[in-house]
Each structure stands twice: as C-alpha cells, then as structure tokens.
PDB file of N, CA and C in Angstrom:
ATOM      1  N   MET A   1      28.290   7.659 156.083  1.00  0.00           N
ATOM      2  CA  MET A   1      29.416   8.089 155.177  1.00  0.00           C
ATOM      3  C   MET A   1      29.082   7.248 153.867  1.00  0.00           C
ATOM      4  N   ASP A   2      28.243   6.273 153.848  1.00  0.00           N
ATOM      5  CA  ASP A   2      27.942   5.673 152.567  1.00  0.00           C
ATOM      6  C   ASP A   2      26.930   6.363 151.865  1.00  0.00           C
ATOM      7  N   LYS A   3      25.985   7.059 152.545  1.00  0.00           N
ATOM      8  CA  LYS A   3      24.833   7.828 151.953  1.00  0.00           C
ATOM      9  C   LYS A   3      25.499   9.033 151.124  1.00  0.00           C
ATOM     10  N   ALA A   4      26.630   9.655 151.673  1.00  0.00           N
ATOM     11  CA  ALA A   4      27.162  10.917 151.128  1.00  0.00           C
ATOM     12  C   ALA A   4      27.922  10.651 149.815  1.00  0.00           C
ATOM     13  N   MET A   5      28.761   9.343 149.732  1.00  0.00           N
ATOM     14  CA  MET A   5      29.199   8.886 148.466  1.00  0.00           C
ATOM     15  C   MET A   5      28.287   9.085 147.272  1.00  0.00           C
ATOM     16  N   PRO A   6      27.195   8.308 147.160  1.00  0.00           N
ATOM     17  CA  PRO A   6      26.357   8.437 145.935  1.00  0.00           C
ATOM     18  C   PRO A   6      25.903   9.923 145.627  1.00  0.00           C
ATOM     19  N   SER A   7      25.494  10.632 146.423  1.00  0.00           N
ATOM     20  CA  SER A   7      25.106  12.053 146.358  1.00  0.00           C
ATOM     21  C   SER A   7      26.107  12.904 145.728  1.00  0.00           C
ATOM     22  N   ARG A   8      27.570  12.643 146.095  1.00  0.00           N
ATOM     23  CA  ARG A   8      28.624  13.418 145.685  1.00  0.00           C
ATOM     24  C   ARG A   8      28.914  12.917 144.166  1.00  0.00           C
ATOM     25  N   THR A   9      28.578  11.798 143.956  1.00  0.00           N
ATOM     26  CA  THR A   9      28.797  11.153 142.407  1.00  0.00           C
ATOM     27  C   THR A   9      27.705  11.805 141.702  1.00  0.00           C
ATOM     28  N   LEU A  10      26.565  11.663 142.185  1.00  0.00           N
ATOM     29  CA  LEU A  10      25.457  12.252 141.427  1.00  0.00           C
ATOM     30  C   LEU A  10      25.743  13.840 141.233  1.00  0.00           C
ATOM     31  N   LEU A  11      26.176  14.378 142.120  1.00  0.00           N
ATOM     32  CA  LEU A  11      26.446  15.925 142.035  1.00  0.00           C
ATOM     33  C   LEU A  11      27.549  16.168 140.917  1.00  0.00           C
ATOM     34  N   ALA A  12      28.520  15.369 141.042  1.00  0.00           N
ATOM     35  CA  ALA A  12      29.675  15.392 140.011  1.00  0.00           C
ATOM     36  C   ALA A  12      29.237  15.162 138.710  1.00  0.00           C
ATOM     37  N   ALA A  13      28.405  14.131 138.424  1.00  0.00           N
ATOM     38  CA  ALA A  13      27.853  13.905 137.015  1.00  0.00           C
ATOM     39  C   ALA A  13      26.970  15.007 136.633  1.00  0.00           C
ATOM     40  N   ALA A  14      26.089  15.536 137.522  1.00  0.00           N
ATOM     41  CA  ALA A  14      25.155  16.768 137.122  1.00  0.00           C
ATOM     42  C   ALA A  14      26.105  17.954 136.699  1.00  0.00           C
ATOM     43  N   VAL A  15      27.091  18.237 137.391  1.00  0.00           N
ATOM     44  CA  VAL A  15      27.904  19.303 136.848  1.00  0.00           C
ATOM     45  C   VAL A  15      28.600  18.998 135.687  1.00  0.00           C
ATOM     46  N   ALA A  16      29.288  17.960 135.585  1.00  0.00           N
ATOM     47  CA  ALA A  16      29.879  17.528 134.188  1.00  0.00           C
ATOM     48  C   ALA A  16      28.773  17.685 133.045  1.00  0.00           C
ATOM     49  N   ALA A  17      27.520  17.064 133.185  1.00  0.00           N
ATOM     50  CA  ALA A  17      26.679  17.197 132.228  1.00  0.00           C
ATOM     51  C   ALA A  17      26.227  18.749 131.920  1.00  0.00           C
ATOM     52  N   ALA A  18      26.138  19.345 133.053  1.00  0.00           N
ATOM     53  CA  ALA A  18      25.879  20.982 132.617  1.00  0.00           C
ATOM     54  C   ALA A  18      26.921  21.544 132.076  1.00  0.00           C
ATOM     55  N   ALA A  19      28.137  21.392 132.332  1.00  0.00           N
ATOM     56  CA  ALA A  19      29.505  21.994 131.486  1.00  0.00           C
ATOM     57  C   ALA A  19      29.478  21.456 130.258  1.00  0.00           C
ATOM     58  N   VAL A  20      29.295  20.312 129.817  1.00  0.00           N
ATOM     59  CA  VAL A  20      29.202  19.980 128.405  1.00  0.00           C
ATOM     60  C   VAL A  20      28.126  20.513 127.596  1.00  0.00           C
ATOM     61  N   SER A  21      26.972  20.500 128.361  1.00  0.00           N
ATOM     62  CA  SER A  21      25.858  21.081 127.379  1.00  0.00           C
ATOM     63  C   SER A  21      25.833  22.692 127.413  1.00  0.00           C
ATOM     64  N   LEU A  22      26.449  23.259 128.317  1.00  0.00           N
ATOM     65  CA  LEU A  22      26.450  24.613 128.189  1.00  0.00           C
ATOM     66  C   LEU A  22      27.601  25.254 127.271  1.00  0.00           C
ATOM     67  N   GLN A  23      28.776  24.441 127.302  1.00  0.00           N
ATOM     68  CA  GLN A  23      29.904  24.906 126.412  1.00  0.00           C
ATOM     69  C   GLN A  23      29.458  24.909 124.815  1.00  0.00           C
ATOM     70  N   GLY A  24      28.430  23.988 124.488  1.00  0.00           N
ATOM     71  CA  GLY A  24      28.340  23.951 123.210  1.00  0.00           C
ATOM     72  C   GLY A  24      29.307  23.057 122.509  1.00  0.00           C
ATOM     73  N   CYS A  25      29.434  21.901 123.045  1.00  0.00           N
ATOM     74  CA  CYS A  25      30.502  21.001 122.277  1.00  0.00           C
ATOM     75  C   CYS A  25      30.110  20.322 121.130  1.00  0.00           C
ATOM     76  N   THR A  26      30.595  21.025 119.951  1.00  0.00           N
ATOM     77  CA  THR A  26      30.295  20.481 118.719  1.00  0.00           C
ATOM     78  C   THR A  26      31.871  20.261 118.098  1.00  0.00           C
ATOM     79  N   MET A  27      31.550  19.290 117.212  1.00  0.00           N
ATOM     80  CA  MET A  27      32.877  18.806 116.503  1.00  0.00           C
ATOM     81  C   MET A  27      33.039  19.469 115.225  1.00  0.00           C
ATOM     82  N   ALA A  28      32.132  20.479 114.957  1.00  0.00           N
ATOM     83  CA  ALA A  28      32.140  21.084 113.452  1.00  0.00           C
ATOM     84  C   ALA A  28      33.157  22.301 113.509  1.00  0.00           C
ATOM     85  N   ILE A  29      34.317  22.062 113.283  1.00  0.00           N
ATOM     86  CA  ILE A  29      35.331  23.200 113.493  1.00  0.00           C
ATOM     87  C   ILE A  29      35.475  23.904 112.060  1.00  0.00           C
ATOM     88  N   PRO A  30      35.441  25.184 111.986  1.00  0.00           N
ATOM     89  CA  PRO A  30      35.528  25.880 110.716  1.00  0.00           C
ATOM     90  C   PRO A  30      36.966  25.875 110.258  1.00  0.00           C
ATOM     91  N   THR A  31      36.944  25.563 108.879  1.00  0.00           N
ATOM     92  CA  THR A  31      38.282  25.367 108.331  1.00  0.00           C
ATOM     93  C   THR A  31      38.317  26.286 106.990  1.00  0.00           C
ATOM     94  N   HIS A  32      39.487  26.452 106.498  1.00  0.00           N
ATOM     95  CA  HIS A  32      39.523  27.199 105.239  1.00  0.00           C
ATOM     96  C   HIS A  32      40.802  26.455 104.365  1.00  0.00           C
ATOM     97  N   VAL A  33      40.750  26.695 103.122  1.00  0.00           N
ATOM     98  CA  VAL A  33      41.638  26.040 102.151  1.00  0.00           C
ATOM     99  C   VAL A  33      42.841  26.727 102.333  1.00  0.00           C
ATOM    100  N   VAL A  34      42.985  28.267 102.106  1.00  0.00           N
ATOM    101  CA  VAL A  34      44.005  28.943 102.051  1.00  0.00           C
ATOM    102  C   VAL A  34      44.108  29.821 103.247  1.00  0.00           C
ATOM    103  N   GLY A  35      45.199  29.762 104.072  1.00  0.00           N
ATOM    104  CA  GLY A  35      45.374  30.638 105.208  1.00  0.00           C
ATOM    105  C   GLY A  35      45.067  32.008 105.000  1.00  0.00           C
ATOM    106  N   TYR A  36      44.545  32.769 105.991  1.00  0.00           N
ATOM    107  CA  TYR A  36      44.256  34.188 105.881  1.00  0.00           C
ATOM    108  C   TYR A  36      45.555  34.917 105.515  1.00  0.00           C
ATOM    109  N   TRP A  37      46.651  34.562 106.180  1.00  0.00           N
ATOM    110  CA  TRP A  37      47.878  35.347 105.948  1.00  0.00           C
ATOM    111  C   TRP A  37      48.344  35.283 104.526  1.00  0.00           C
ATOM    112  N   GLN A  38      47.896  34.075 103.920  1.00  0.00           N
ATOM    113  CA  GLN A  38      48.425  33.834 102.492  1.00  0.00           C
ATOM    114  C   GLN A  38      47.493  34.465 101.521  1.00  0.00           C
ATOM    115  N   ASP A  39      46.301  34.632 101.933  1.00  0.00           N
ATOM    116  CA  ASP A  39      45.349  35.278 101.121  1.00  0.00           C
ATOM    117  C   ASP A  39      45.511  36.817 100.985  1.00  0.00           C
ATOM    118  N   ALA A  40      46.276  37.378 102.187  1.00  0.00           N
ATOM    119  CA  ALA A  40      46.533  38.976 102.056  1.00  0.00           C
ATOM    120  C   ALA A  40      47.591  39.303 100.997  1.00  0.00           C
ATOM    121  N   THR A  41      47.658  40.507 100.508  1.00  0.00           N
ATOM    122  CA  THR A  41      48.557  40.925  99.702  1.00  0.00           C
ATOM    123  C   THR A  41      50.003  41.142 100.518  1.00  0.00           C
ATOM    124  N   SER A  42      50.902  40.577  99.658  1.00  0.00           N
ATOM    125  CA  SER A  42      52.269  40.437 100.367  1.00  0.00           C
ATOM    126  C   SER A  42      52.903  41.923 100.524  1.00  0.00           C
ATOM    127  N   TYR A  43      53.376  42.116 101.728  1.00  0.00           N
ATOM    128  CA  TYR A  43      54.265  43.445 102.094  1.00  0.00           C
ATOM    129  C   TYR A  43      55.298  43.548 100.938  1.00  0.00           C
ATOM    130  N   LEU A  44      55.951  42.763 100.483  1.00  0.00           N
ATOM    131  CA  LEU A  44      56.904  42.886  99.485  1.00  0.00           C
ATOM    132  C   LEU A  44      56.276  43.542  98.210  1.00  0.00           C
ATOM    133  N   LYS A  45      55.128  42.953  97.736  1.00  0.00           N
ATOM    134  CA  LYS A  45      54.502  43.419  96.548  1.00  0.00           C
ATOM    135  C   LYS A  45      53.792  44.690  96.693  1.00  0.00           C
ATOM    136  N   THR A  46      53.184  44.984  97.875  1.00  0.00           N
ATOM    137  CA  THR A  46      52.647  46.339  98.153  1.00  0.00           C
ATOM    138  C   THR A  46      53.774  47.405  98.097  1.00  0.00           C
ATOM    139  N   TYR A  47      54.696  47.214  98.679  1.00  0.00           N
ATOM    140  CA  TYR A  47      55.916  48.496  98.795  1.00  0.00           C
ATOM    141  C   TYR A  47      57.039  48.159  97.877  1.00  0.00           C
ATOM    142  N   GLU A  48      56.781  47.441  96.795  1.00  0.00           N
ATOM    143  CA  GLU A  48      58.052  47.345  95.790  1.00  0.00           C
ATOM    144  C   GLU A  48      58.214  48.417  95.103  1.00  0.00           C
ATOM    145  N   PHE A  49      59.521  48.627  94.520  1.00  0.00           N
ATOM    146  CA  PHE A  49      59.783  49.811  93.612  1.00  0.00           C
ATOM    147  C   PHE A  49      59.965  49.089  92.329  1.00  0.00           C
ATOM    148  N   VAL A  50      59.229  49.633  91.346  1.00  0.00           N
ATOM    149  CA  VAL A  50      59.448  49.250  89.908  1.00  0.00           C
ATOM    150  C   VAL A  50      59.996  50.413  89.173  1.00  0.00           C
ATOM    151  N   LYS A  51      61.006  50.356  88.400  1.00  0.00           N
ATOM    152  CA  LYS A  51      61.650  51.590  87.799  1.00  0.00           C
ATOM    153  C   LYS A  51      60.649  51.768  86.511  1.00  0.00           C
ATOM    154  N   PRO A  52      60.342  53.024  86.417  1.00  0.00           N
ATOM    155  CA  PRO A  52      59.477  53.667  85.399  1.00  0.00           C
ATOM    156  C   PRO A  52      59.905  52.938  84.117  1.00  0.00           C
ATOM    157  N   GLY A  53      58.803  52.569  83.356  1.00  0.00           N
ATOM    158  CA  GLY A  53      59.015  51.984  81.934  1.00  0.00           C
ATOM    159  C   GLY A  53      59.335  50.585  81.988  1.00  0.00           C
ATOM    160  N   ALA A  54      59.723  49.991  83.074  1.00  0.00           N
ATOM    161  CA  ALA A  54      60.038  48.704  83.166  1.00  0.00           C
ATOM    162  C   ALA A  54      58.669  47.814  83.415  1.00  0.00           C
ATOM    163  N   PRO A  55      58.738  46.427  82.828  1.00  0.00           N
ATOM    164  CA  PRO A  55      57.523  45.631  83.054  1.00  0.00           C
ATOM    165  C   PRO A  55      57.398  45.600  84.557  1.00  0.00           C
ATOM    166  N   ALA A  56      56.058  45.422  84.964  1.00  0.00           N
ATOM    167  CA  ALA A  56      55.728  45.107  86.411  1.00  0.00           C
ATOM    168  C   ALA A  56      56.298  43.934  87.122  1.00  0.00           C
ATOM    169  N   ASP A  57      56.314  43.058  86.102  1.00  0.00           N
ATOM    170  CA  ASP A  57      56.861  41.593  86.687  1.00  0.00           C
ATOM    171  C   ASP A  57      58.360  41.486  86.778  1.00  0.00           C
ATOM    172  N   THR A  58      59.153  42.517  86.369  1.00  0.00           N
ATOM    173  CA  THR A  58      60.687  42.433  86.539  1.00  0.00           C
ATOM    174  C   THR A  58      61.128  43.531  87.102  1.00  0.00           C
ATOM    175  N   ASN A  59      62.468  43.615  87.564  1.00  0.00           N
ATOM    176  CA  ASN A  59      63.152  44.709  88.114  1.00  0.00           C
ATOM    177  C   ASN A  59      62.470  45.303  89.223  1.00  0.00           C
ATOM    178  N   GLN A  60      62.064  44.475  90.199  1.00  0.00           N
ATOM    179  CA  GLN A  60      61.362  45.004  91.479  1.00  0.00           C
ATOM    180  C   GLN A  60      62.346  44.921  92.509  1.00  0.00           C
ATOM    181  N   THR A  61      62.276  45.856  93.567  1.00  0.00           N
ATOM    182  CA  THR A  61      63.044  45.903  94.677  1.00  0.00           C
ATOM    183  C   THR A  61      62.451  46.827  95.648  1.00  0.00           C
ATOM    184  N   LEU A  62      62.760  46.439  96.843  1.00  0.00           N
ATOM    185  CA  LEU A  62      62.266  47.296  97.941  1.00  0.00           C
ATOM    186  C   LEU A  62      63.166  48.636  98.250  1.00  0.00           C
ATOM    187  N   ASN A  63      64.337  48.519  97.775  1.00  0.00           N
ATOM    188  CA  ASN A  63      65.390  49.603  97.845  1.00  0.00           C
ATOM    189  C   ASN A  63      65.779  50.436  96.677  1.00  0.00           C
ATOM    190  N   SER A  64      65.096  51.613  96.531  1.00  0.00           N
ATOM    191  CA  SER A  64      65.342  52.219  95.162  1.00  0.00           C
ATOM    192  C   SER A  64      66.685  52.910  95.275  1.00  0.00           C
ATOM    193  N   CYS A  65      67.225  53.025  96.246  1.00  0.00           N
ATOM    194  CA  CYS A  65      68.757  53.388  96.311  1.00  0.00           C
ATOM    195  C   CYS A  65      69.636  52.475  95.493  1.00  0.00           C
ATOM    196  N   MET A  66      69.321  51.220  95.477  1.00  0.00           N
ATOM    197  CA  MET A  66      70.293  50.280  94.868  1.00  0.00           C
ATOM    198  C   MET A  66      70.090  50.340  93.186  1.00  0.00           C
ATOM    199  N   MET A  67      69.188  50.993  92.578  1.00  0.00           N
ATOM    200  CA  MET A  67      68.893  51.083  91.408  1.00  0.00           C
ATOM    201  C   MET A  67      69.434  52.307  90.800  1.00  0.00           C
ATOM    202  N   ASP A  68      69.607  52.169  89.507  1.00  0.00           N
ATOM    203  CA  ASP A  68      70.166  53.245  88.553  1.00  0.00           C
ATOM    204  C   ASP A  68      68.847  54.102  88.211  1.00  0.00           C
ATOM    205  N   VAL A  69      68.515  55.045  89.030  1.00  0.00           N
ATOM    206  CA  VAL A  69      67.370  55.880  88.756  1.00  0.00           C
ATOM    207  C   VAL A  69      67.537  57.278  89.298  1.00  0.00           C
ATOM    208  N   PRO A  70      67.063  58.223  88.574  1.00  0.00           N
ATOM    209  CA  PRO A  70      67.280  59.663  88.926  1.00  0.00           C
ATOM    210  C   PRO A  70      66.946  59.936  90.498  1.00  0.00           C
ATOM    211  N   ARG A  71      67.477  60.956  91.153  1.00  0.00           N
ATOM    212  CA  ARG A  71      67.472  61.005  92.526  1.00  0.00           C
ATOM    213  C   ARG A  71      65.915  61.397  92.919  1.00  0.00           C
ATOM    214  N   TYR A  72      65.270  62.174  92.165  1.00  0.00           N
ATOM    215  CA  TYR A  72      63.842  62.512  92.401  1.00  0.00           C
ATOM    216  C   TYR A  72      62.885  61.277  92.462  1.00  0.00           C
ATOM    217  N   LEU A  73      63.355  60.038  92.014  1.00  0.00           N
ATOM    218  CA  LEU A  73      62.620  58.841  91.989  1.00  0.00           C
ATOM    219  C   LEU A  73      63.059  58.083  93.130  1.00  0.00           C
ATOM    220  N   GLN A  74      64.220  58.244  93.829  1.00  0.00           N
ATOM    221  CA  GLN A  74      64.831  57.411  94.790  1.00  0.00           C
ATOM    222  C   GLN A  74      63.751  57.829  96.213  1.00  0.00           C
ATOM    223  N   CYS A  75      63.732  57.051  96.995  1.00  0.00           N
ATOM    224  CA  CYS A  75      63.175  57.367  98.306  1.00  0.00           C
ATOM    225  C   CYS A  75      61.441  57.794  98.061  1.00  0.00           C
ATOM    226  N   SER A  76      60.878  57.508  97.070  1.00  0.00           N
ATOM    227  CA  SER A  76      59.796  58.077  96.845  1.00  0.00           C
ATOM    228  C   SER A  76      59.606  59.611  96.692  1.00  0.00           C
ATOM    229  N   GLY A  77      60.763  60.262  96.526  1.00  0.00           N
ATOM    230  CA  GLY A  77      60.815  61.754  96.644  1.00  0.00           C
ATOM    231  C   GLY A  77      60.793  62.184  97.875  1.00  0.00           C
ATOM    232  N   HIS A  78      60.956  61.550  98.946  1.00  0.00           N
ATOM    233  CA  HIS A  78      60.884  62.063 100.306  1.00  0.00           C
ATOM    234  C   HIS A  78      62.092  61.981 101.087  1.00  0.00           C
ATOM    235  N   GLY A  79      63.257  61.797 100.497  1.00  0.00           N
ATOM    236  CA  GLY A  79      64.435  61.768 101.221  1.00  0.00           C
ATOM    237  C   GLY A  79      65.716  61.541 100.327  1.00  0.00           C
ATOM    238  N   SER A  80      66.770  61.090 100.785  1.00  0.00           N
ATOM    239  CA  SER A  80      68.101  60.885  99.954  1.00  0.00           C
ATOM    240  C   SER A  80      68.656  59.513 100.400  1.00  0.00           C
ATOM    241  N   CYS A  81      69.516  59.001  99.679  1.00  0.00           N
ATOM    242  CA  CYS A  81      70.248  57.728  99.783  1.00  0.00           C
ATOM    243  C   CYS A  81      71.399  57.973 100.427  1.00  0.00           C
ATOM    244  N   LYS A  82      71.490  57.288 101.672  1.00  0.00           N
ATOM    245  CA  LYS A  82      72.758  57.549 102.400  1.00  0.00           C
ATOM    246  C   LYS A  82      73.475  55.972 102.427  1.00  0.00           C
ATOM    247  N   SER A  83      74.688  56.128 102.529  1.00  0.00           N
ATOM    248  CA  SER A  83      75.576  54.981 102.534  1.00  0.00           C
ATOM    249  C   SER A  83      75.432  54.220 103.888  1.00  0.00           C
ATOM    250  N   TRP A  84      75.377  53.099 104.012  1.00  0.00           N
ATOM    251  CA  TRP A  84      75.351  52.212 105.355  1.00  0.00           C
ATOM    252  C   TRP A  84      76.565  52.231 106.275  1.00  0.00           C
ATOM    253  N   LEU A  85      77.796  52.296 105.341  1.00  0.00           N
ATOM    254  CA  LEU A  85      79.123  52.514 105.968  1.00  0.00           C
ATOM    255  C   LEU A  85      79.392  53.970 105.795  1.00  0.00           C
ATOM    256  N   HIS A  86      79.278  54.692 106.854  1.00  0.00           N
ATOM    257  CA  HIS A  86      79.498  56.095 106.973  1.00  0.00           C
ATOM    258  C   HIS A  86      80.815  56.548 106.752  1.00  0.00           C
ATOM    259  N   ASP A  87      81.850  55.591 106.998  1.00  0.00           N
ATOM    260  CA  ASP A  87      83.335  56.022 106.938  1.00  0.00           C
ATOM    261  C   ASP A  87      84.015  55.315 105.636  1.00  0.00           C
ATOM    262  N   ALA A  88      83.279  55.337 104.711  1.00  0.00           N
ATOM    263  CA  ALA A  88      84.035  54.880 103.329  1.00  0.00           C
ATOM    264  C   ALA A  88      85.010  55.897 103.143  1.00  0.00           C
ATOM    265  N   GLU A  89      86.265  55.298 102.588  1.00  0.00           N
ATOM    266  CA  GLU A  89      87.397  56.038 102.359  1.00  0.00           C
ATOM    267  C   GLU A  89      87.363  57.011 101.064  1.00  0.00           C
ATOM    268  N   SER A  90      86.627  56.362 100.042  1.00  0.00           N
ATOM    269  CA  SER A  90      86.689  56.976  98.645  1.00  0.00           C
ATOM    270  C   SER A  90      85.330  57.061  98.202  1.00  0.00           C
ATOM    271  N   ASP A  91      85.315  57.940  97.073  1.00  0.00           N
ATOM    272  CA  ASP A  91      83.943  57.998  96.386  1.00  0.00           C
ATOM    273  C   ASP A  91      83.608  56.816  95.790  1.00  0.00           C
ATOM    274  N   ALA A  92      84.581  55.955  95.279  1.00  0.00           N
ATOM    275  CA  ALA A  92      84.306  54.675  94.657  1.00  0.00           C
ATOM    276  C   ALA A  92      83.742  53.813  95.592  1.00  0.00           C
ATOM    277  N   ALA A  93      84.177  53.646  96.802  1.00  0.00           N
ATOM    278  CA  ALA A  93      83.754  52.888  97.915  1.00  0.00           C
ATOM    279  C   ALA A  93      82.385  53.284  98.363  1.00  0.00           C
ATOM    280  N   GLN A  94      82.087  54.643  98.235  1.00  0.00           N
ATOM    281  CA  GLN A  94      80.783  55.148  98.568  1.00  0.00           C
ATOM    282  C   GLN A  94      79.695  54.718  97.477  1.00  0.00           C
ATOM    283  N   GLU A  95      80.260  54.576  96.256  1.00  0.00           N
ATOM    284  CA  GLU A  95      79.122  54.353  95.221  1.00  0.00           C
ATOM    285  C   GLU A  95      78.918  52.898  95.088  1.00  0.00           C
ATOM    286  N   SER A  96      79.687  51.875  95.484  1.00  0.00           N
ATOM    287  CA  SER A  96      79.488  50.517  95.423  1.00  0.00           C
ATOM    288  C   SER A  96      78.969  49.915  96.829  1.00  0.00           C
ATOM    289  N   SER A  97      78.859  50.870  97.787  1.00  0.00           N
ATOM    290  CA  SER A  97      78.487  50.332  99.108  1.00  0.00           C
ATOM    291  C   SER A  97      76.947  50.208  99.270  1.00  0.00           C
ATOM    292  N   LEU A  98      76.397  49.559 100.267  1.00  0.00           N
ATOM    293  CA  LEU A  98      75.045  49.190 100.394  1.00  0.00           C
ATOM    294  C   LEU A  98      74.498  50.760 100.785  1.00  0.00           C
ATOM    295  N   LYS A  99      73.410  51.166 100.320  1.00  0.00           N
ATOM    296  CA  LYS A  99      72.548  52.287 100.656  1.00  0.00           C
ATOM    297  C   LYS A  99      71.180  51.988 101.134  1.00  0.00           C
ATOM    298  N   PHE A 100      70.694  53.018 101.949  1.00  0.00           N
ATOM    299  CA  PHE A 100      69.302  53.009 102.237  1.00  0.00           C
ATOM    300  C   PHE A 100      68.681  54.425 102.215  1.00  0.00           C
ATOM    301  N   CYS A 101      67.365  54.585 102.313  1.00  0.00           N
ATOM    302  CA  CYS A 101      66.785  55.904 102.257  1.00  0.00           C
ATOM    303  C   CYS A 101      66.832  56.613 103.614  1.00  0.00           C
ATOM    304  N   HIS A 102      67.145  57.845 103.746  1.00  0.00           N
ATOM    305  CA  HIS A 102      67.195  58.520 104.745  1.00  0.00           C
ATOM    306  C   HIS A 102      65.996  59.687 104.547  1.00  0.00           C
ATOM    307  N   CYS A 103      65.049  59.524 105.236  1.00  0.00           N
ATOM    308  CA  CYS A 103      63.735  60.380 105.166  1.00  0.00           C
ATOM    309  C   CYS A 103      64.180  61.967 105.516  1.00  0.00           C
ATOM    310  N   ASP A 104      63.621  62.824 104.802  1.00  0.00           N
ATOM    311  CA  ASP A 104      63.599  64.130 104.950  1.00  0.00           C
ATOM    312  C   ASP A 104      62.976  64.557 106.191  1.00  0.00           C
TER     313      ASP A 104
END
C-alpha cells in the first residue's frame, strides 16, 4: 500500500501539469476602454422621429403621434394614430390621451 501512494501522487501531478499546459493558462486577458454595447448606435437615436424642418438635435421623440405633424408623417406613413384608452368619452379626451401607431 505504501508503494501505490507515491505513484498516485505522481499521476495526479502529471494530470494537473498536463491540464494547465493544455489550457493555455495566460494572464493576458483582452480588454477595451469602451464597452461594445456603448460603442453601438443607440436604438433611441436610430428610430427617433424628428419633425421636418426642426434641428436634428431638438424635438426628437419615438412616438410621432404625440407631435403636431400632418397625418401622412405620423407612423412613417404606414399606419394611423390610435388612442391608448379606447373608451374615452369625448373628443377632447381623445385628443389629450396617449396615442400610439397602429400599423396598416
């Protein structure tokens, strides 16, 4: 039993050395200054609606229904604005309620 112990220890050391050398244990971990998700163009910038004639850095929104623009410009011309609350009692309530695009 005494002779088996050194051979097991030697075998374990050999397996550990092989595992470390085969994995490529290097401490050079690649890094970057700015995260990849921060380097990509923002979804909000990509799909923003800017009222025609307005400067590009002002009056931006994702919801063209909430701006005072002609109907053909709302919803990129592919739908109509629908009130979020379908059971509004009056036209005034419909005009002031939250609206979203309903695609054709």
